[in-house]
C-alpha atoms as a PDB file:
ATOM      1  CA  MET A   1      76.517 102.574 109.171  1.00  0.00           C
ATOM      2  CA  VAL A   2      78.463  99.524 110.690  1.00  0.00           C
ATOM      3  CA  GLN A   3      82.162  99.830 110.760  1.00  0.00           C
ATOM      4  CA  ASP A   4      83.049  96.007 112.260  1.00  0.00           C
ATOM      5  CA  PRO A   5      86.265  95.287 110.767  1.00  0.00           C
ATOM      6  CA  HIS A   6      86.064  92.271 108.246  1.00  0.00           C
ATOM      7  CA  ASN A   7      88.852  89.420 107.625  1.00  0.00           C
ATOM      8  CA  ILE A   8      89.286  88.583 103.992  1.00  0.00           C
ATOM      9  CA  VAL A   9      90.484  84.784 103.587  1.00  0.00           C
ATOM     10  CA  SER A  10      92.903  84.799 100.559  1.00  0.00           C
ATOM     11  CA  PRO A  11      93.598  81.407  98.577  1.00  0.00           C
ATOM     12  CA  PHE A  12      96.726  81.331  99.562  1.00  0.00           C
ATOM     13  CA  SER A  13      97.306  82.588 102.386  1.00  0.00           C
ATOM     14  CA  LYS A  14      98.242  79.037 104.050  1.00  0.00           C
ATOM     15  CA  ILE A  15     100.805  78.348 101.358  1.00  0.00           C
ATOM     16  CA  ASN A  16     104.759  79.073 102.325  1.00  0.00           C
ATOM     17  CA  PHE A  17     107.547  79.307 100.650  1.00  0.00           C
ATOM     18  CA  ASN A  18     110.780  78.635 101.623  1.00  0.00           C
ATOM     19  CA  LEU A  19     113.726  80.620  99.944  1.00  0.00           C
ATOM     20  CA  GLY A  20     116.949  80.513 101.106  1.00  0.00           C
ATOM     21  CA  GLY A  21     116.126  80.406 104.252  1.00  0.00           C
ATOM     22  CA  VAL A  22     113.472  83.290 104.444  1.00  0.00           C
ATOM     23  CA  THR A  23     109.921  81.836 104.785  1.00  0.00           C
ATOM     24  CA  ILE A  24     107.939  83.840 102.646  1.00  0.00           C
ATOM     25  CA  ASN A  25     103.812  83.367 102.725  1.00  0.00           C
ATOM     26  CA  GLY A  26     102.144  82.714  99.750  1.00  0.00           C
ATOM     27  CA  HIS A  27      99.609  86.171  99.367  1.00  0.00           C
ATOM     28  CA  ARG A  28     102.774  88.278 100.121  1.00  0.00           C
ATOM     29  CA  LEU A  29     104.195  86.335  96.974  1.00  0.00           C
ATOM     30  CA  PHE A  30     101.662  86.696  94.722  1.00  0.00           C
ATOM     31  CA  ILE A  31     100.300  90.631  95.539  1.00  0.00           C
ATOM     32  CA  PHE A  32     104.439  90.884  94.766  1.00  0.00           C
ATOM     33  CA  ILE A  33     103.940  89.007  90.739  1.00  0.00           C
ATOM     34  CA  PHE A  34     100.378  90.310  90.690  1.00  0.00           C
ATOM     35  CA  SER A  35     102.419  94.104  90.773  1.00  0.00           C
ATOM     36  CA  PHE A  36     104.697  93.297  89.201  1.00  0.00           C
ATOM     37  CA  ILE A  37     102.637  91.857  85.833  1.00  0.00           C
ATOM     38  CA  ILE A  38     100.707  95.125  86.895  1.00  0.00           C
ATOM     39  CA  ILE A  39     103.964  98.038  86.398  1.00  0.00           C
ATOM     40  CA  SER A  40     104.468  96.204  83.636  1.00  0.00           C
ATOM     41  CA  ILE A  41     101.774  96.591  81.902  1.00  0.00           C
ATOM     42  CA  LEU A  42     101.545  99.790  82.950  1.00  0.00           C
ATOM     43  CA  TYR A  43     104.848 101.100  81.792  1.00  0.00           C
ATOM     44  CA  PHE A  44     104.277  99.512  78.505  1.00  0.00           C
ATOM     45  CA  VAL A  45     101.155 101.138  77.877  1.00  0.00           C
ATOM     46  CA  ILE A  46     102.110 104.256  79.108  1.00  0.00           C
ATOM     47  CA  GLN A  47     105.080 105.079  77.253  1.00  0.00           C
ATOM     48  CA  ARG A  48     104.544 102.936  73.658  1.00  0.00           C
ATOM     49  CA  THR A  49     100.097 102.670  73.406  1.00  0.00           C
ATOM     50  CA  LYS A  50      98.632 105.760  71.871  1.00  0.00           C
ATOM     51  CA  ILE A  51      95.891 106.803  74.631  1.00  0.00           C
ATOM     52  CA  GLY A  52      99.872 106.540  76.998  1.00  0.00           C
ATOM     53  CA  ILE A  53     101.479 108.840  74.889  1.00  0.00           C
ATOM     54  CA  ALA A  54      98.134 111.226  74.870  1.00  0.00           C
ATOM     55  CA  MET A  55      98.148 111.383  78.370  1.00  0.00           C
ATOM     56  CA  ARG A  56     102.240 112.850  78.883  1.00  0.00           C
ATOM     57  CA  ALA A  57     101.059 114.677  76.390  1.00  0.00           C
ATOM     58  CA  CYS A  58      98.188 116.146  78.018  1.00  0.00           C
ATOM     59  CA  ALA A  59     100.641 115.667  81.253  1.00  0.00           C
ATOM     60  CA  PHE A  60     102.921 118.441  79.605  1.00  0.00           C
ATOM     61  CA  ASP A  61     100.421 121.064  78.458  1.00  0.00           C
ATOM     62  CA  MET A  62      97.040 120.003  78.412  1.00  0.00           C
ATOM     63  CA  GLU A  63      96.102 123.025  75.523  1.00  0.00           C
ATOM     64  CA  THR A  64      98.569 122.544  73.491  1.00  0.00           C
ATOM     65  CA  ALA A  65      97.727 118.811  73.596  1.00  0.00           C
ATOM     66  CA  GLN A  66      94.445 119.628  72.188  1.00  0.00           C
ATOM     67  CA  LEU A  67      95.623 122.301  69.867  1.00  0.00           C
ATOM     68  CA  MET A  68      97.390 119.003  67.879  1.00  0.00           C
ATOM     69  CA  GLY A  69      93.770 117.307  68.570  1.00  0.00           C
ATOM     70  CA  ILE A  70      94.089 115.334  71.380  1.00  0.00           C
ATOM     71  CA  LYS A  71      90.833 114.699  72.584  1.00  0.00           C
ATOM     72  CA  ALA A  72      91.827 116.118  76.843  1.00  0.00           C
ATOM     73  CA  THR A  73      88.206 114.654  78.147  1.00  0.00           C
ATOM     74  CA  THR A  74      88.701 110.938  76.759  1.00  0.00           C
ATOM     75  CA  VAL A  75      92.511 111.587  77.973  1.00  0.00           C
ATOM     76  CA  ILE A  76      91.075 112.618  81.859  1.00  0.00           C
ATOM     77  CA  VAL A  77      88.476 110.376  81.615  1.00  0.00           C
ATOM     78  CA  THR A  78      90.689 107.310  80.790  1.00  0.00           C
ATOM     79  CA  THR A  79      94.101 108.135  83.478  1.00  0.00           C
ATOM     80  CA  PHE A  80      90.890 108.267  86.119  1.00  0.00           C
ATOM     81  CA  ALA A  81      89.781 104.997  85.181  1.00  0.00           C
ATOM     82  CA  ILE A  82      92.960 103.752  84.923  1.00  0.00           C
ATOM     83  CA  GLY A  83      93.853 105.027  88.296  1.00  0.00           C
ATOM     84  CA  SER A  84      90.563 103.553  90.064  1.00  0.00           C
ATOM     85  CA  ALA A  85      91.616 100.374  88.727  1.00  0.00           C
ATOM     86  CA  LEU A  86      94.771 100.089  89.961  1.00  0.00           C
ATOM     87  CA  ALA A  87      92.965 101.588  93.591  1.00  0.00           C
ATOM     88  CA  ALA A  88      90.546  98.993  93.964  1.00  0.00           C
ATOM     89  CA  SER A  89      92.733  96.329  92.499  1.00  0.00           C
ATOM     90  CA  ALA A  90      95.891  97.732  95.845  1.00  0.00           C
ATOM     91  CA  GLY A  91      92.416  97.015  98.001  1.00  0.00           C
ATOM     92  CA  ALA A  92      91.629  93.564  96.999  1.00  0.00           C
ATOM     93  CA  LEU A  93      95.555  93.058  97.215  1.00  0.00           C
ATOM     94  CA  LEU A  94      95.426  93.904 100.849  1.00  0.00           C
ATOM     95  CA  ALA A  95      92.528  92.857 102.160  1.00  0.00           C
ATOM     96  CA  PRO A  96      93.688  89.787 103.317  1.00  0.00           C
ATOM     97  CA  ILE A  97      96.599  90.980 105.189  1.00  0.00           C
ATOM     98  CA  PHE A  98      94.513  93.530 106.398  1.00  0.00           C
ATOM     99  CA  SER A  99      91.567  93.613 108.437  1.00  0.00           C
ATOM    100  CA  VAL A 100      88.620  95.376 105.590  1.00  0.00           C
ATOM    101  CA  TYR A 101      86.970  98.262 106.923  1.00  0.00           C
ATOM    102  CA  PRO A 102      85.392 101.654 104.948  1.00  0.00           C
ATOM    103  CA  THR A 103      88.433 103.819 106.444  1.00  0.00           C
ATOM    104  CA  MET A 104      91.294 101.376 105.620  1.00  0.00           C
ATOM    105  CA  GLY A 105      92.554 102.454 102.686  1.00  0.00           C
ATOM    106  CA  VAL A 106      93.552 106.448 104.053  1.00  0.00           C
ATOM    107  CA  MET A 107      97.577 105.930 105.545  1.00  0.00           C
ATOM    108  CA  SER A 108      97.766 103.316 102.445  1.00  0.00           C
ATOM    109  CA  THR A 109      97.257 106.516  99.763  1.00  0.00           C
ATOM    110  CA  MET A 110      99.045 108.767 102.555  1.00  0.00           C
ATOM    111  CA  LYS A 111     101.889 106.318 102.327  1.00  0.00           C
ATOM    112  CA  ALA A 112     101.348 106.543  97.952  1.00  0.00           C
ATOM    113  CA  PHE A 113     101.680 110.207  97.647  1.00  0.00           C
ATOM    114  CA  VAL A 114     105.072 109.819 100.127  1.00  0.00           C
ATOM    115  CA  VAL A 115     106.809 106.778  97.940  1.00  0.00           C
ATOM    116  CA  VAL A 116     105.240 109.278  94.392  1.00  0.00           C
ATOM    117  CA  LEU A 117     106.364 112.212  96.275  1.00  0.00           C
ATOM    118  CA  LEU A 118     110.176 109.874  97.116  1.00  0.00           C
ATOM    119  CA  GLY A 119     110.081 108.598  93.556  1.00  0.00           C
ATOM    120  CA  GLY A 120     109.232 112.785  91.304  1.00  0.00           C
ATOM    121  CA  VAL A 121     106.234 112.955  90.747  1.00  0.00           C
ATOM    122  CA  GLY A 122     104.865 111.587  87.163  1.00  0.00           C
ATOM    123  CA  ASN A 123     108.154 108.812  87.390  1.00  0.00           C
ATOM    124  CA  ILE A 124     107.837 105.297  87.387  1.00  0.00           C
ATOM    125  CA  PRO A 125     110.168 103.587  87.698  1.00  0.00           C
ATOM    126  CA  GLY A 126     111.037 106.092  90.247  1.00  0.00           C
ATOM    127  CA  ALA A 127     108.043 105.609  92.530  1.00  0.00           C
ATOM    128  CA  ILE A 128     108.822 101.702  92.672  1.00  0.00           C
ATOM    129  CA  VAL A 129     112.091 102.609  93.535  1.00  0.00           C
ATOM    130  CA  GLY A 130     109.976 105.160  96.481  1.00  0.00           C
ATOM    131  CA  GLY A 131     107.766 102.832  97.195  1.00  0.00           C
ATOM    132  CA  LEU A 132     110.628  99.929  98.092  1.00  0.00           C
ATOM    133  CA  ILE A 133     113.169 102.350  99.742  1.00  0.00           C
ATOM    134  CA  ILE A 134     109.801 103.063 101.742  1.00  0.00           C
ATOM    135  CA  GLY A 135     108.982 100.149 102.047  1.00  0.00           C
ATOM    136  CA  LEU A 136     112.680  98.996 103.826  1.00  0.00           C
ATOM    137  CA  VAL A 137     112.706 102.087 106.100  1.00  0.00           C
ATOM    138  CA  GLU A 138     109.644 101.061 107.544  1.00  0.00           C
ATOM    139  CA  THR A 139     110.552  97.397 108.098  1.00  0.00           C
ATOM    140  CA  TYR A 140     114.057  98.341 109.199  1.00  0.00           C
ATOM    141  CA  ALA A 141     112.312 100.435 111.732  1.00  0.00           C
ATOM    142  CA  ALA A 142     109.938  98.460 112.980  1.00  0.00           C
ATOM    143  CA  GLY A 143     112.410  95.813 113.531  1.00  0.00           C
ATOM    144  CA  TYR A 144     114.843  97.497 115.333  1.00  0.00           C
ATOM    145  CA  ILE A 145     113.286 100.644 116.321  1.00  0.00           C
ATOM    146  CA  SER A 146     110.006 100.254 117.520  1.00  0.00           C
ATOM    147  CA  SER A 147     106.833  99.339 115.234  1.00  0.00           C
ATOM    148  CA  GLU A 148     104.546 101.461 117.104  1.00  0.00           C
ATOM    149  CA  TYR A 149     106.389 104.496 114.611  1.00  0.00           C
ATOM    150  CA  LYS A 150     107.201 102.637 112.215  1.00  0.00           C
ATOM    151  CA  ASP A 151     104.453 104.865 109.988  1.00  0.00           C
ATOM    152  CA  VAL A 152     106.175 108.157 111.464  1.00  0.00           C
ATOM    153  CA  PHE A 153     109.917 107.810 109.096  1.00  0.00           C
ATOM    154  CA  ALA A 154     107.665 107.542 105.651  1.00  0.00           C
ATOM    155  CA  PHE A 155     106.692 111.051 106.918  1.00  0.00           C
ATOM    156  CA  VAL A 156     109.941 112.200 107.663  1.00  0.00           C
ATOM    157  CA  ILE A 157     111.396 110.650 104.570  1.00  0.00           C
ATOM    158  CA  MET A 158     108.073 113.147 102.908  1.00  0.00           C
ATOM    159  CA  ILE A 159     109.179 116.653 105.244  1.00  0.00           C
ATOM    160  CA  LEU A 160     113.407 115.759 104.753  1.00  0.00           C
ATOM    161  CA  ILE A 161     112.720 115.174 100.786  1.00  0.00           C
ATOM    162  CA  LEU A 162     110.231 118.343 100.779  1.00  0.00           C
ATOM    163  CA  LEU A 163     113.075 120.672 102.639  1.00  0.00           C
ATOM    164  CA  PHE A 164     116.078 119.603 100.553  1.00  0.00           C
ATOM    165  CA  LYS A 165     114.733 118.095  96.629  1.00  0.00           C
ATOM    166  CA  PRO A 166     111.207 118.703  95.683  1.00  0.00           C
ATOM    167  CA  GLU A 167     111.508 117.143  92.676  1.00  0.00           C
ATOM    168  CA  GLY A 168     112.311 114.552  94.053  1.00  0.00           C
ATOM    169  CA  LEU A 169     115.333 111.459  93.593  1.00  0.00           C
ATOM    170  CA  PHE A 170     114.679 111.181  90.138  1.00  0.00           C
ATOM    171  CA  GLY A 171     111.990 113.758  89.272  1.00  0.00           C
ATOM    172  CA  LYS A 172     113.658 116.583  87.432  1.00  0.00           C
ATOM    173  CA  ASN A 173     113.919 120.528  88.259  1.00  0.00           C
ATOM    174  CA  VAL A 174     111.808 121.497  86.363  1.00  0.00           C
ATOM    175  CA  GLN A 175     111.627 125.881  85.728  1.00  0.00           C
ATOM    176  CA  GLU A 176     108.021 127.311  84.510  1.00  0.00           C
ATOM    177  CA  LYS A 177     108.093 129.764  82.413  1.00  0.00           C
ATOM    178  CA  VAL A 178     105.298 133.040  84.236  1.00  0.00           C
END
C-alpha cells in the first residue's frame, strides 16, 4: 500500500484577496463560501423538509417515529448518505491545503467531535459556533504560544466541556426516564 503524501493543486490557490489589510488565500475563501452554502442547505433540509423532520423524529425517539409511519431504515440510510457526502466534501476541500494520504482525516475527525461536543450534540448553530471557537483558539494558541501545541488546546477544551458542561454550550440538559 502506497503511503506517500500527494499534493493537490486548487485553481484558487494562486489567487489572493486583500481585505482591509488582511490577505486571504483564494482557496480558503472558496472553502468559507462553499461551507456557508452547504451549512445553509443542510439546515434547510433538516428544518423544512419531510426527510429532515423524519430525521429529527428518529433522533428524538426511534420507536415512536416508527409507530407514526416513518421508515426508520430509509432515514438511517439517508442520514448516512448525507454524512458521507459532507465528509467527502470536507476531504476535497482540505486536500489542496494539506497533503493527501490515507489517514489525513483522523485529526479533523477528532476535532469535529470536539466541535460537536462544544456546540451541543444535535445543534447545528452550536456546531458552527463551536467550530469558530475551536478555530480561533487554535489560531491564537499557534500564534502566541506555539504551533506545536495548537492541537492540544482543542482537546483541553473537550475535557473542560465534558467536566463542566457535558451538554455543550448550546445543548439542552435532558433527563432520561428509566
